[in-house]
Amino acid sequence: MVTLAKRMAADNTPPLILVGTSAGALNVIGLGGFYDLGLVRAADELARRWGFFRLDDVFGPVNSIVGSGLRYLAQIAGIPVRLPSLLDTDPLRDTLKRMLPWDRLHENIAAGTIGAVAVTATSVATRGTVVFVEKHPDVKLPRYDASRNIRYVETTLDVEHVLASSAVPALFRPVYVSEPPRWSGWYVDGGLLLNTPLKPAIDFGADLLGVVATHPRTWPTGRPCEQLIHTGKPDVFGAAALSMRAMLADRMIEDLRAIERRNEHARVCPEIARQISFIFAGPSLDQAGEIAALADRIFREQFACLRGTQNPSLWALARLIGGEAADRGDLLSFLFFDPTFAREAAELGRAVELVESG
């Protein structure tokens, strides 16, 4: 993110619209709130604040995690006990209220320092994507996209919208969004249908996209026997990791390919479609497993010997997540809130090579 921010600032093309989903929702709220500092300083400050997050700031006490396991067993046994999620993220609400610059976000949008900030979530009731948008009056709200069931809803962004956008199904509890009242209801992770929200950015009229991702922009090549990771027999955790990879990466790859195809048509018939450029900031194929390996390594170091007993949440996560190292790392990279991991993951991000559309 910082690398992309520096590039866009150097080119004098700072983004006017910020759209994020899942963990990206936290990022766009932070960037929008610090935008008056300038794009690069805003990205640096956000990366610094990520380093403050700890497991206890995100997940409830160990008894809540163990309790989830007991409720799961009760459901298997036929006992009518409701299990909303495996992990209790109640502490995250207060953490986000404290860590993110909400007042500055609203001030920057009202002043036109940033045109609009939007986060995506998936409606449980409609099974569609809802893009919650806080915008300056000069920015036009996109119309309903019937082809992908995407609705744009103007509101004043709050912590409930970010929680909804990052509520990974089964792992995190669904979130009830109350504002605006016409769109109140239960929501889960926006990445379920739209992980990399390129379509909303295009609908806002963008002709240059800056894409920040933790997965490569292309699919793995070669035969299954030629792959270096994810080659063993998957258990339930491996299947969960596969689902996460598909949810997080595949839609992004499809959208980037669609933009490239659109640009080919635009070069031939510019009167039919405008050309859209993008700068991709994410790992290459040979770097694909680095962040998962980093999460697994730091997790094992934190849990080594007696250190795990000093952090009950870490202990519970260690018992909850199994599977081979690559799968475990994929899941942990999404759940592991730790200063050391955040710092080293940021360094990986600074080392990525930016890829521009052709």
Protein backbone atom coordinates (compact mmCIF):
# COMPACT_ATOMS: atom_id res chain seq x y z
CA MET A 1 0.00 0.00 0.00
CA VAL A 2 2.77 2.44 0.91
CA THR A 3 4.66 1.56 -2.29
CA LEU A 4 1.59 2.24 -4.41
CA ALA A 5 0.90 5.49 -2.54
CA LYS A 6 4.42 6.75 -3.26
CA ARG A 7 4.08 5.88 -6.94
CA MET A 8 0.71 7.61 -7.33
CA ALA A 9 1.92 10.66 -5.41
CA ALA A 10 5.04 10.89 -7.59
CA ASP A 11 2.86 10.71 -10.71
CA ASN A 12 0.55 13.36 -9.24
CA THR A 13 -2.39 10.96 -9.54
CA PRO A 14 -3.67 10.58 -5.96
CA PRO A 15 -6.97 8.67 -5.87
CA LEU A 16 -10.18 10.65 -5.38
CA ILE A 17 -12.31 7.58 -4.57
CA LEU A 18 -11.33 4.91 -2.03
CA VAL A 19 -13.17 1.57 -2.10
CA GLY A 20 -12.36 -1.37 0.17
CA THR A 21 -13.74 -4.64 1.41
CA SER A 22 -12.87 -7.00 4.25
CA ALA A 23 -9.51 -5.88 5.71
CA GLY A 24 -9.40 -3.34 2.89
CA ALA A 25 -12.40 -1.60 4.47
CA LEU A 26 -10.23 -0.72 7.48
CA ASN A 27 -7.56 0.57 5.12
CA VAL A 28 -9.80 2.94 3.16
CA ILE A 29 -11.32 4.37 6.35
CA GLY A 30 -7.82 5.02 7.68
CA LEU A 31 -6.53 6.48 4.41
CA GLY A 32 -9.58 8.71 4.08
CA GLY A 33 -9.21 9.91 7.65
CA PHE A 34 -5.54 10.79 7.25
CA TYR A 35 -5.88 12.07 3.67
CA ASP A 36 -5.35 15.68 4.72
CA LEU A 37 -1.74 14.69 5.53
CA GLY A 38 -1.12 13.75 1.91
CA LEU A 39 -1.35 10.29 0.36
CA VAL A 40 2.11 8.99 1.36
CA ARG A 41 1.95 10.22 4.96
CA ALA A 42 -1.59 8.85 5.25
CA ALA A 43 -0.41 5.40 4.13
CA ASP A 44 2.57 5.52 6.51
CA GLU A 45 0.36 6.49 9.45
CA LEU A 46 -2.12 3.73 8.66
CA ALA A 47 0.67 1.14 8.46
CA ARG A 48 1.95 2.38 11.82
CA ARG A 49 -1.48 1.96 13.40
CA TRP A 50 -1.81 -1.58 12.09
CA GLY A 51 1.19 -2.32 14.29
CA PHE A 52 -0.84 -1.46 17.39
CA PHE A 53 -3.37 -4.26 16.85
CA ARG A 54 -3.12 -7.30 19.12
CA LEU A 55 -5.21 -10.45 19.32
CA ASP A 56 -6.88 -9.25 22.52
CA ASP A 57 -7.99 -6.11 20.67
CA VAL A 58 -9.86 -8.23 18.15
CA PHE A 59 -11.02 -11.50 19.72
CA GLY A 60 -12.91 -12.16 22.92
CA PRO A 61 -11.42 -14.09 25.86
CA VAL A 62 -10.48 -17.72 25.55
CA ASN A 63 -13.66 -18.89 27.29
CA SER A 64 -15.72 -17.43 24.43
CA ILE A 65 -13.69 -19.42 21.87
CA VAL A 66 -13.96 -22.60 23.90
CA GLY A 67 -17.65 -21.87 24.36
CA SER A 68 -18.07 -21.69 20.60
CA GLY A 69 -16.55 -25.16 20.35
CA LEU A 70 -18.95 -26.49 22.97
CA ARG A 71 -21.95 -24.94 21.19
CA TYR A 72 -20.74 -26.54 17.94
CA LEU A 73 -20.64 -29.94 19.61
CA ALA A 74 -24.09 -29.31 21.04
CA GLN A 75 -25.46 -28.59 17.58
CA ILE A 76 -23.95 -31.83 16.27
CA ALA A 77 -25.67 -33.65 19.12
CA GLY A 78 -29.01 -32.14 18.14
CA ILE A 79 -29.25 -29.73 21.06
CA PRO A 80 -30.98 -26.50 19.89
CA VAL A 81 -28.14 -24.09 20.61
CA ARG A 82 -27.41 -21.23 18.20
CA LEU A 83 -23.78 -20.87 17.05
CA PRO A 84 -23.35 -17.47 15.35
CA SER A 85 -19.61 -17.85 14.69
CA LEU A 86 -16.46 -19.64 15.80
CA LEU A 87 -14.73 -16.47 17.01
CA ASP A 88 -16.02 -13.66 19.21
CA THR A 89 -14.98 -10.31 17.72
CA ASP A 90 -16.85 -8.05 20.16
CA PRO A 91 -13.59 -6.31 21.24
CA LEU A 92 -12.95 -5.29 17.63
CA ARG A 93 -15.81 -2.77 17.72
CA ASP A 94 -14.20 -0.68 20.47
CA THR A 95 -10.76 -1.11 18.90
CA LEU A 96 -11.91 0.29 15.55
CA LYS A 97 -13.70 3.19 17.21
CA ARG A 98 -10.47 4.03 19.00
CA MET A 99 -7.92 3.32 16.26
CA LEU A 100 -9.56 4.79 13.16
CA PRO A 101 -9.87 8.57 12.60
CA TRP A 102 -13.64 8.77 12.16
CA ASP A 103 -14.09 12.52 12.75
CA ARG A 104 -11.26 13.40 10.36
CA LEU A 105 -12.76 11.05 7.75
CA HIS A 106 -16.08 12.91 7.80
CA GLU A 107 -14.32 16.29 7.74
CA ASN A 108 -12.10 15.33 4.79
CA ILE A 109 -15.07 14.13 2.75
CA ALA A 110 -17.18 17.20 3.59
CA ALA A 111 -14.30 19.48 2.61
CA GLY A 112 -13.69 17.64 -0.66
CA THR A 113 -10.17 16.61 0.35
CA ILE A 114 -11.26 13.12 -0.73
CA GLY A 115 -14.25 12.63 -3.04
CA ALA A 116 -15.76 9.48 -1.56
CA VAL A 117 -14.95 6.51 0.66
CA ALA A 118 -16.88 3.27 0.26
CA VAL A 119 -16.92 -0.17 1.87
CA THR A 120 -18.67 -3.26 0.53
CA ALA A 121 -20.70 -5.83 2.44
CA THR A 122 -22.89 -8.79 1.50
CA SER A 123 -26.57 -8.64 2.45
CA VAL A 124 -27.79 -11.85 4.08
CA ALA A 125 -31.38 -11.08 3.03
CA THR A 126 -30.80 -10.22 -0.65
CA ARG A 127 -27.55 -12.15 -1.27
CA GLY A 128 -26.31 -9.07 -3.10
CA THR A 129 -23.41 -6.69 -2.61
CA VAL A 130 -24.18 -3.38 -0.92
CA VAL A 131 -21.61 -0.60 -1.26
CA PHE A 132 -21.96 1.85 1.62
CA VAL A 133 -20.73 5.24 0.41
CA GLU A 134 -19.90 8.46 2.20
CA LYS A 135 -19.28 11.12 -0.43
CA HIS A 136 -18.87 14.78 -1.22
CA PRO A 137 -21.93 16.35 -2.92
CA ASP A 138 -19.98 16.77 -6.17
CA VAL A 139 -19.54 13.00 -6.51
CA LYS A 140 -22.36 11.17 -8.29
CA LEU A 141 -23.66 7.97 -6.70
CA PRO A 142 -23.57 5.07 -9.20
CA ARG A 143 -26.80 3.35 -10.22
CA TYR A 144 -27.79 -0.19 -9.32
CA ASP A 145 -25.75 -2.76 -11.25
CA ALA A 146 -28.25 -5.48 -12.14
CA SER A 147 -25.65 -7.66 -13.87
CA ARG A 148 -23.79 -8.29 -10.58
CA ASN A 149 -26.46 -7.27 -8.06
CA ILE A 150 -24.45 -4.35 -6.66
CA ARG A 151 -26.30 -1.51 -4.94
CA TYR A 152 -24.80 1.81 -3.89
CA VAL A 153 -26.15 3.29 -0.67
CA GLU A 154 -25.20 6.74 0.60
CA THR A 155 -24.64 6.97 4.35
CA THR A 156 -22.33 8.32 7.02
CA LEU A 157 -19.79 5.56 7.50
CA ASP A 158 -19.47 4.11 10.98
CA VAL A 159 -17.82 1.19 12.67
CA GLU A 160 -20.77 -1.13 11.92
CA HIS A 161 -20.16 -0.80 8.18
CA VAL A 162 -16.50 -1.79 8.57
CA LEU A 163 -17.38 -4.69 10.88
CA ALA A 164 -19.94 -5.93 8.36
CA SER A 165 -17.47 -5.69 5.49
CA SER A 166 -14.95 -7.84 7.38
CA ALA A 167 -17.36 -10.39 8.93
CA VAL A 168 -15.94 -13.59 7.42
CA PRO A 169 -18.81 -16.13 7.32
CA ALA A 170 -18.63 -18.82 10.02
CA LEU A 171 -15.46 -17.37 11.57
CA PHE A 172 -16.88 -13.95 12.52
CA ARG A 173 -20.39 -13.04 13.58
CA PRO A 174 -22.76 -11.46 11.06
CA VAL A 175 -23.19 -7.75 11.77
CA TYR A 176 -26.47 -5.84 11.98
CA VAL A 177 -26.20 -2.54 10.12
CA SER A 178 -28.78 0.02 11.22
CA GLU A 179 -27.88 3.01 9.03
CA PRO A 180 -29.35 4.01 6.72
CA PRO A 181 -32.67 2.60 8.02
CA ARG A 182 -33.94 1.56 4.57
CA TRP A 183 -30.92 -0.71 4.22
CA SER A 184 -30.79 -2.00 7.78
CA GLY A 185 -30.27 -5.73 8.16
CA TRP A 186 -27.69 -8.45 8.65
CA TYR A 187 -24.49 -8.36 6.62
CA VAL A 188 -21.35 -10.46 6.20
CA ASP A 189 -17.98 -10.03 4.48
CA GLY A 190 -18.14 -8.02 1.27
CA GLY A 191 -15.51 -10.31 -0.20
CA LEU A 192 -18.00 -13.16 -0.38
CA LEU A 193 -19.13 -11.82 -3.77
CA LEU A 194 -16.85 -8.87 -4.45
CA ASN A 195 -13.47 -9.12 -2.77
CA THR A 196 -11.57 -6.67 -4.94
CA PRO A 197 -14.10 -3.91 -5.57
CA LEU A 198 -12.91 -2.85 -9.01
CA LYS A 199 -16.41 -2.66 -10.48
CA PRO A 200 -17.59 -0.01 -7.97
CA ALA A 201 -14.49 2.07 -8.64
CA ILE A 202 -15.20 1.91 -12.37
CA ASP A 203 -18.85 2.81 -11.77
CA PHE A 204 -17.65 5.92 -9.93
CA GLY A 205 -15.96 6.95 -13.18
CA ALA A 206 -12.35 6.08 -12.40
CA ASP A 207 -9.97 5.77 -15.35
CA LEU A 208 -6.94 4.82 -13.24
CA LEU A 209 -7.16 2.15 -10.54
CA GLY A 210 -4.64 1.46 -7.81
CA VAL A 211 -5.16 -2.16 -6.71
CA VAL A 212 -3.72 -3.38 -3.39
CA ALA A 213 -3.89 -7.16 -2.87
CA THR A 214 -2.25 -9.95 -0.90
CA HIS A 215 -2.61 -12.44 -3.76
CA PRO A 216 -1.05 -12.52 -7.26
CA ARG A 217 -2.92 -11.08 -10.22
CA THR A 218 -2.69 -14.37 -12.16
CA TRP A 219 -3.61 -17.97 -11.44
CA PRO A 220 -0.94 -20.62 -10.77
CA THR A 221 0.38 -22.20 -13.95
CA GLY A 222 1.37 -25.78 -14.69
CA ARG A 223 0.05 -29.14 -13.55
CA PRO A 224 -0.97 -30.01 -9.97
CA CYS A 225 2.14 -32.20 -9.57
CA GLU A 226 4.35 -29.21 -10.45
CA GLN A 227 3.09 -26.97 -7.63
CA LEU A 228 5.26 -26.35 -4.56
CA ILE A 229 2.52 -25.63 -2.01
CA HIS A 230 -0.98 -26.97 -1.28
CA THR A 231 -0.03 -30.39 -2.65
CA GLY A 232 -1.01 -32.61 0.29
CA LYS A 233 -4.39 -34.13 1.08
CA PRO A 234 -6.48 -31.27 2.53
CA ASP A 235 -8.29 -31.66 5.83
CA VAL A 236 -11.16 -29.41 6.91
CA PHE A 237 -8.71 -26.56 7.50
CA GLY A 238 -7.19 -27.03 4.07
CA ALA A 239 -10.67 -26.86 2.55
CA ALA A 240 -11.37 -23.69 4.52
CA ALA A 241 -8.10 -22.17 3.30
CA LEU A 242 -9.01 -23.08 -0.30
CA SER A 243 -12.37 -21.35 0.11
CA MET A 244 -10.63 -18.27 1.47
CA ARG A 245 -8.15 -18.21 -1.43
CA ALA A 246 -10.98 -18.54 -3.94
CA MET A 247 -12.98 -15.79 -2.25
CA LEU A 248 -10.03 -13.45 -1.88
CA ALA A 249 -8.21 -13.94 -5.17
CA ASP A 250 -10.34 -15.36 -7.96
CA ARG A 251 -12.77 -12.46 -8.38
CA MET A 252 -9.85 -10.02 -8.40
CA ILE A 253 -8.12 -11.98 -11.16
CA GLU A 254 -11.33 -12.14 -13.18
CA ASP A 255 -11.91 -8.39 -12.82
CA LEU A 256 -8.37 -7.52 -13.88
CA ARG A 257 -8.67 -9.79 -16.91
CA ALA A 258 -12.01 -8.16 -17.76
CA ILE A 259 -10.40 -4.71 -17.63
CA GLU A 260 -7.62 -5.86 -19.95
CA ARG A 261 -10.20 -7.23 -22.42
CA ARG A 262 -12.19 -4.00 -22.16
CA ASN A 263 -9.06 -1.99 -22.94
CA GLU A 264 -8.42 -4.06 -26.06
CA HIS A 265 -11.90 -3.17 -27.32
CA ALA A 266 -11.43 0.48 -26.30
CA ARG A 267 -8.25 0.75 -28.35
CA VAL A 268 -10.13 -0.45 -31.42
CA CYS A 269 -13.43 1.34 -30.75
CA PRO A 270 -12.80 4.22 -28.32
CA GLU A 271 -16.33 5.53 -28.86
CA ILE A 272 -17.81 2.38 -27.27
CA ALA A 273 -15.82 2.16 -24.02
CA ARG A 274 -13.23 4.27 -22.23
CA GLN A 275 -9.83 2.79 -21.48
CA ILE A 276 -9.09 2.08 -17.81
CA SER A 277 -5.52 1.76 -16.55
CA PHE A 278 -4.48 0.07 -13.34
CA ILE A 279 -1.41 -0.25 -11.17
CA PHE A 280 -1.29 -3.52 -9.27
CA ALA A 281 0.51 -3.70 -5.91
CA GLY A 282 0.69 -7.31 -4.80
CA PRO A 283 2.90 -10.40 -4.83
CA SER A 284 4.07 -12.11 -7.98
CA LEU A 285 3.35 -15.80 -8.48
CA ASP A 286 6.70 -16.83 -6.99
CA GLN A 287 5.94 -14.68 -3.92
CA ALA A 288 2.43 -16.07 -3.49
CA GLY A 289 3.06 -18.02 -0.30
CA GLU A 290 5.29 -15.51 1.48
CA ILE A 291 2.68 -13.82 3.66
CA ALA A 292 1.20 -17.20 4.67
CA ALA A 293 4.67 -18.51 5.54
CA LEU A 294 5.34 -15.34 7.53
CA ALA A 295 2.12 -15.71 9.52
CA ASP A 296 2.84 -19.37 10.27
CA ARG A 297 6.43 -18.67 11.34
CA ILE A 298 5.60 -15.79 13.66
CA PHE A 299 2.64 -17.69 15.08
CA ARG A 300 4.85 -20.67 15.94
CA GLU A 301 7.48 -18.37 17.46
CA GLN A 302 4.87 -16.62 19.60
CA PHE A 303 3.43 -19.94 20.70
CA ALA A 304 6.78 -21.62 21.43
CA CYS A 305 7.41 -23.10 24.89
CA LEU A 306 5.45 -21.32 27.62
CA ARG A 307 4.82 -18.09 25.73
CA GLY A 308 1.52 -19.42 24.41
CA THR A 309 0.15 -19.80 27.92
CA GLN A 310 0.68 -16.08 28.44
CA ASN A 311 -1.77 -15.32 25.62
CA PRO A 312 -4.99 -17.35 25.95
CA SER A 313 -6.35 -16.12 22.61
CA LEU A 314 -3.21 -17.35 20.86
CA TRP A 315 -3.50 -20.68 22.65
CA ALA A 316 -7.11 -21.07 21.54
CA LEU A 317 -6.29 -20.19 17.93
CA ALA A 318 -3.50 -22.76 17.95
CA ARG A 319 -6.01 -25.39 18.98
CA LEU A 320 -8.61 -24.16 16.49
CA ILE A 321 -6.47 -24.03 13.36
CA GLY A 322 -4.72 -27.11 12.07
CA GLY A 323 -3.75 -28.36 8.61
CA GLU A 324 -0.44 -28.18 6.75
CA ALA A 325 1.72 -25.10 7.18
CA ALA A 326 0.66 -23.40 3.93
CA ASP A 327 -3.05 -23.78 4.69
CA ARG A 328 -2.60 -22.79 8.32
CA GLY A 329 -0.64 -19.73 7.23
CA ASP A 330 -3.35 -18.69 4.78
CA LEU A 331 -5.95 -18.72 7.55
CA LEU A 332 -3.64 -17.11 10.08
CA SER A 333 -2.72 -14.27 7.73
CA PHE A 334 -6.36 -13.24 7.88
CA LEU A 335 -6.86 -13.76 11.64
CA PHE A 336 -3.46 -13.03 13.15
CA PHE A 337 -3.43 -9.52 14.63
CA ASP A 338 0.08 -9.11 16.00
CA PRO A 339 2.55 -6.18 15.93
CA THR A 340 5.45 -8.32 14.70
CA PHE A 341 3.38 -9.84 11.91
CA ALA A 342 1.99 -6.43 10.90
CA ARG A 343 5.47 -4.91 10.77
CA GLU A 344 7.03 -7.71 8.71
CA ALA A 345 3.98 -7.98 6.42
CA ALA A 346 4.31 -4.24 5.75
CA GLU A 347 7.94 -4.81 4.76
CA LEU A 348 6.83 -7.51 2.32
CA GLY A 349 4.38 -5.01 0.88
CA ARG A 350 7.06 -2.37 0.44
CA ALA A 351 9.16 -4.87 -1.50
CA VAL A 352 6.54 -5.74 -4.14
CA GLU A 353 7.07 -4.64 -7.71
CA LEU A 354 4.25 -2.55 -9.15
CA VAL A 355 2.67 -3.95 -12.32
CA GLU A 356 0.94 -1.62 -14.77
CA SER A 357 -1.77 -2.59 -17.20
CA GLY A 358 -0.69 -2.93 -20.79
